[in-house]
Amino acid sequence: MYGENACPNAQDPPDLPALGALMVDTGRGGRVGEFRGVAGPYWSLRPVGGGAEWEAEPHRVRPALLMEQLRARTARLNARSRGEVL
């Protein structure tokens, strides 16, 4: 019988994005970060413009919409214009 041994809750792992692609971590409230690579079963993301990386579960990460990309980049530029250390 077709699919007899298949796990009903199994998900295919998502395709790896390009390095530097902006992604949204839905597991952390929609935090936007740059894709930095794979660390074991997790994906490494870092804030736009630098900062400490964090690990995200691949099934909780999606590509950032254009509006989300613009918002993240604008927030970084605004912080830089205020003299904040990035």
C-alpha atoms as a PDB file:
ATOM      1  CA  MET A   1       0.000   0.000   0.000  1.00  0.00           C
ATOM      2  CA  TYR A   2       1.340   3.443  -0.921  1.00  0.00           C
ATOM      3  CA  GLY A   3       2.655   5.466   2.052  1.00  0.00           C
ATOM      4  CA  GLU A   4       2.099   2.627   4.494  1.00  0.00           C
ATOM      5  CA  ASN A   5       5.403   3.215   6.306  1.00  0.00           C
ATOM      6  CA  ALA A   6       5.388   6.987   6.005  1.00  0.00           C
ATOM      7  CA  CYS A   7       5.084   9.121   9.099  1.00  0.00           C
ATOM      8  CA  PRO A   8       1.960  11.303   8.765  1.00  0.00           C
ATOM      9  CA  ASN A   9       3.626  14.302  10.479  1.00  0.00           C
ATOM     10  CA  ALA A  10       6.894  14.188   8.530  1.00  0.00           C
ATOM     11  CA  GLN A  11       7.886  17.424   6.848  1.00  0.00           C
ATOM     12  CA  ASP A  12      10.425  17.745   4.086  1.00  0.00           C
ATOM     13  CA  PRO A  13      13.260  20.014   5.149  1.00  0.00           C
ATOM     14  CA  PRO A  14      13.008  23.412   3.465  1.00  0.00           C
ATOM     15  CA  ASP A  15      15.480  24.324   0.744  1.00  0.00           C
ATOM     16  CA  LEU A  16      18.544  26.213   1.919  1.00  0.00           C
ATOM     17  CA  PRO A  17      18.424  29.923   1.123  1.00  0.00           C
ATOM     18  CA  ALA A  18      21.380  31.807  -0.340  1.00  0.00           C
ATOM     19  CA  LEU A  19      23.944  33.133   2.120  1.00  0.00           C
ATOM     20  CA  GLY A  20      22.918  36.614   3.226  1.00  0.00           C
ATOM     21  CA  ALA A  21      19.253  36.163   2.271  1.00  0.00           C
ATOM     22  CA  LEU A  22      16.903  37.928   4.661  1.00  0.00           C
ATOM     23  CA  MET A  23      14.707  35.488   6.540  1.00  0.00           C
ATOM     24  CA  VAL A  24      11.975  35.804   9.171  1.00  0.00           C
ATOM     25  CA  ASP A  25      12.196  33.606  12.273  1.00  0.00           C
ATOM     26  CA  THR A  26       8.540  33.030  13.163  1.00  0.00           C
ATOM     27  CA  GLY A  27       9.648  31.133  16.277  1.00  0.00           C
ATOM     28  CA  ARG A  28      11.038  34.406  17.677  1.00  0.00           C
ATOM     29  CA  GLY A  29       8.148  36.729  16.992  1.00  0.00           C
ATOM     30  CA  GLY A  30       8.985  37.549  13.388  1.00  0.00           C
ATOM     31  CA  ARG A  31      12.599  38.567  13.951  1.00  0.00           C
ATOM     32  CA  VAL A  32      14.386  39.309  10.651  1.00  0.00           C
ATOM     33  CA  GLY A  33      17.913  38.072  10.106  1.00  0.00           C
ATOM     34  CA  GLU A  34      20.456  37.233   7.444  1.00  0.00           C
ATOM     35  CA  PHE A  35      20.948  33.544   6.700  1.00  0.00           C
ATOM     36  CA  ARG A  36      24.518  32.605   7.703  1.00  0.00           C
ATOM     37  CA  GLY A  37      24.557  28.819   7.332  1.00  0.00           C
ATOM     38  CA  VAL A  38      23.635  25.537   8.951  1.00  0.00           C
ATOM     39  CA  ALA A  39      24.574  24.558  12.501  1.00  0.00           C
ATOM     40  CA  GLY A  40      23.534  20.965  13.088  1.00  0.00           C
ATOM     41  CA  PRO A  41      19.753  20.730  12.725  1.00  0.00           C
ATOM     42  CA  TYR A  42      19.381  24.536  12.966  1.00  0.00           C
ATOM     43  CA  TRP A  43      19.905  27.495  10.669  1.00  0.00           C
ATOM     44  CA  SER A  44      22.113  30.345  11.841  1.00  0.00           C
ATOM     45  CA  LEU A  45      20.710  33.841  11.418  1.00  0.00           C
ATOM     46  CA  ARG A  46      22.136  37.182  12.473  1.00  0.00           C
ATOM     47  CA  PRO A  47      20.570  40.623  12.732  1.00  0.00           C
ATOM     48  CA  VAL A  48      20.665  42.831   9.658  1.00  0.00           C
ATOM     49  CA  GLY A  49      23.929  44.747   9.741  1.00  0.00           C
ATOM     50  CA  GLY A  50      25.654  42.540  12.300  1.00  0.00           C
ATOM     51  CA  GLY A  51      25.298  41.333  15.827  1.00  0.00           C
ATOM     52  CA  ALA A  52      25.097  38.061  17.665  1.00  0.00           C
ATOM     53  CA  GLU A  53      23.870  35.115  15.616  1.00  0.00           C
ATOM     54  CA  TRP A  54      21.018  32.949  16.790  1.00  0.00           C
ATOM     55  CA  GLU A  55      19.848  29.506  15.799  1.00  0.00           C
ATOM     56  CA  ALA A  56      16.415  28.904  14.335  1.00  0.00           C
ATOM     57  CA  GLU A  57      14.462  25.773  13.510  1.00  0.00           C
ATOM     58  CA  PRO A  58      14.302  25.558   9.699  1.00  0.00           C
ATOM     59  CA  HIS A  59      10.563  24.829   9.628  1.00  0.00           C
ATOM     60  CA  ARG A  60       9.950  28.107  11.535  1.00  0.00           C
ATOM     61  CA  VAL A  61      11.891  30.259   9.065  1.00  0.00           C
ATOM     62  CA  ARG A  62      10.528  31.822   5.896  1.00  0.00           C
ATOM     63  CA  PRO A  63      11.849  34.332   3.357  1.00  0.00           C
ATOM     64  CA  ALA A  64      11.286  37.951   4.354  1.00  0.00           C
ATOM     65  CA  LEU A  65       8.712  39.903   2.389  1.00  0.00           C
ATOM     66  CA  LEU A  66       9.911  43.064   0.674  1.00  0.00           C
ATOM     67  CA  MET A  67       8.216  45.199   3.339  1.00  0.00           C
ATOM     68  CA  GLU A  68       9.975  43.241   6.102  1.00  0.00           C
ATOM     69  CA  GLN A  69      13.329  43.623   4.337  1.00  0.00           C
ATOM     70  CA  LEU A  70      12.864  47.380   4.008  1.00  0.00           C
ATOM     71  CA  ARG A  71      11.768  47.693   7.642  1.00  0.00           C
ATOM     72  CA  ALA A  72      14.839  45.817   8.907  1.00  0.00           C
ATOM     73  CA  ARG A  73      17.256  47.801   6.759  1.00  0.00           C
ATOM     74  CA  THR A  74      15.615  51.127   7.682  1.00  0.00           C
ATOM     75  CA  ALA A  75      15.800  50.284  11.397  1.00  0.00           C
ATOM     76  CA  ARG A  76      19.529  49.620  11.027  1.00  0.00           C
ATOM     77  CA  LEU A  77      20.124  52.902   9.184  1.00  0.00           C
ATOM     78  CA  ASN A  78      18.121  54.836  11.766  1.00  0.00           C
ATOM     79  CA  ALA A  79      20.131  53.289  14.601  1.00  0.00           C
ATOM     80  CA  ARG A  80      23.368  54.170  12.824  1.00  0.00           C
ATOM     81  CA  SER A  81      22.225  57.784  12.323  1.00  0.00           C
ATOM     82  CA  ARG A  82      21.524  58.048  16.093  1.00  0.00           C
ATOM     83  CA  GLY A  83      25.101  56.988  16.775  1.00  0.00           C
ATOM     84  CA  GLU A  84      24.217  53.576  18.212  1.00  0.00           C
ATOM     85  CA  VAL A  85      26.917  50.943  18.155  1.00  0.00           C
ATOM     86  CA  LEU A  86      25.962  48.294  15.610  1.00  0.00           C
END
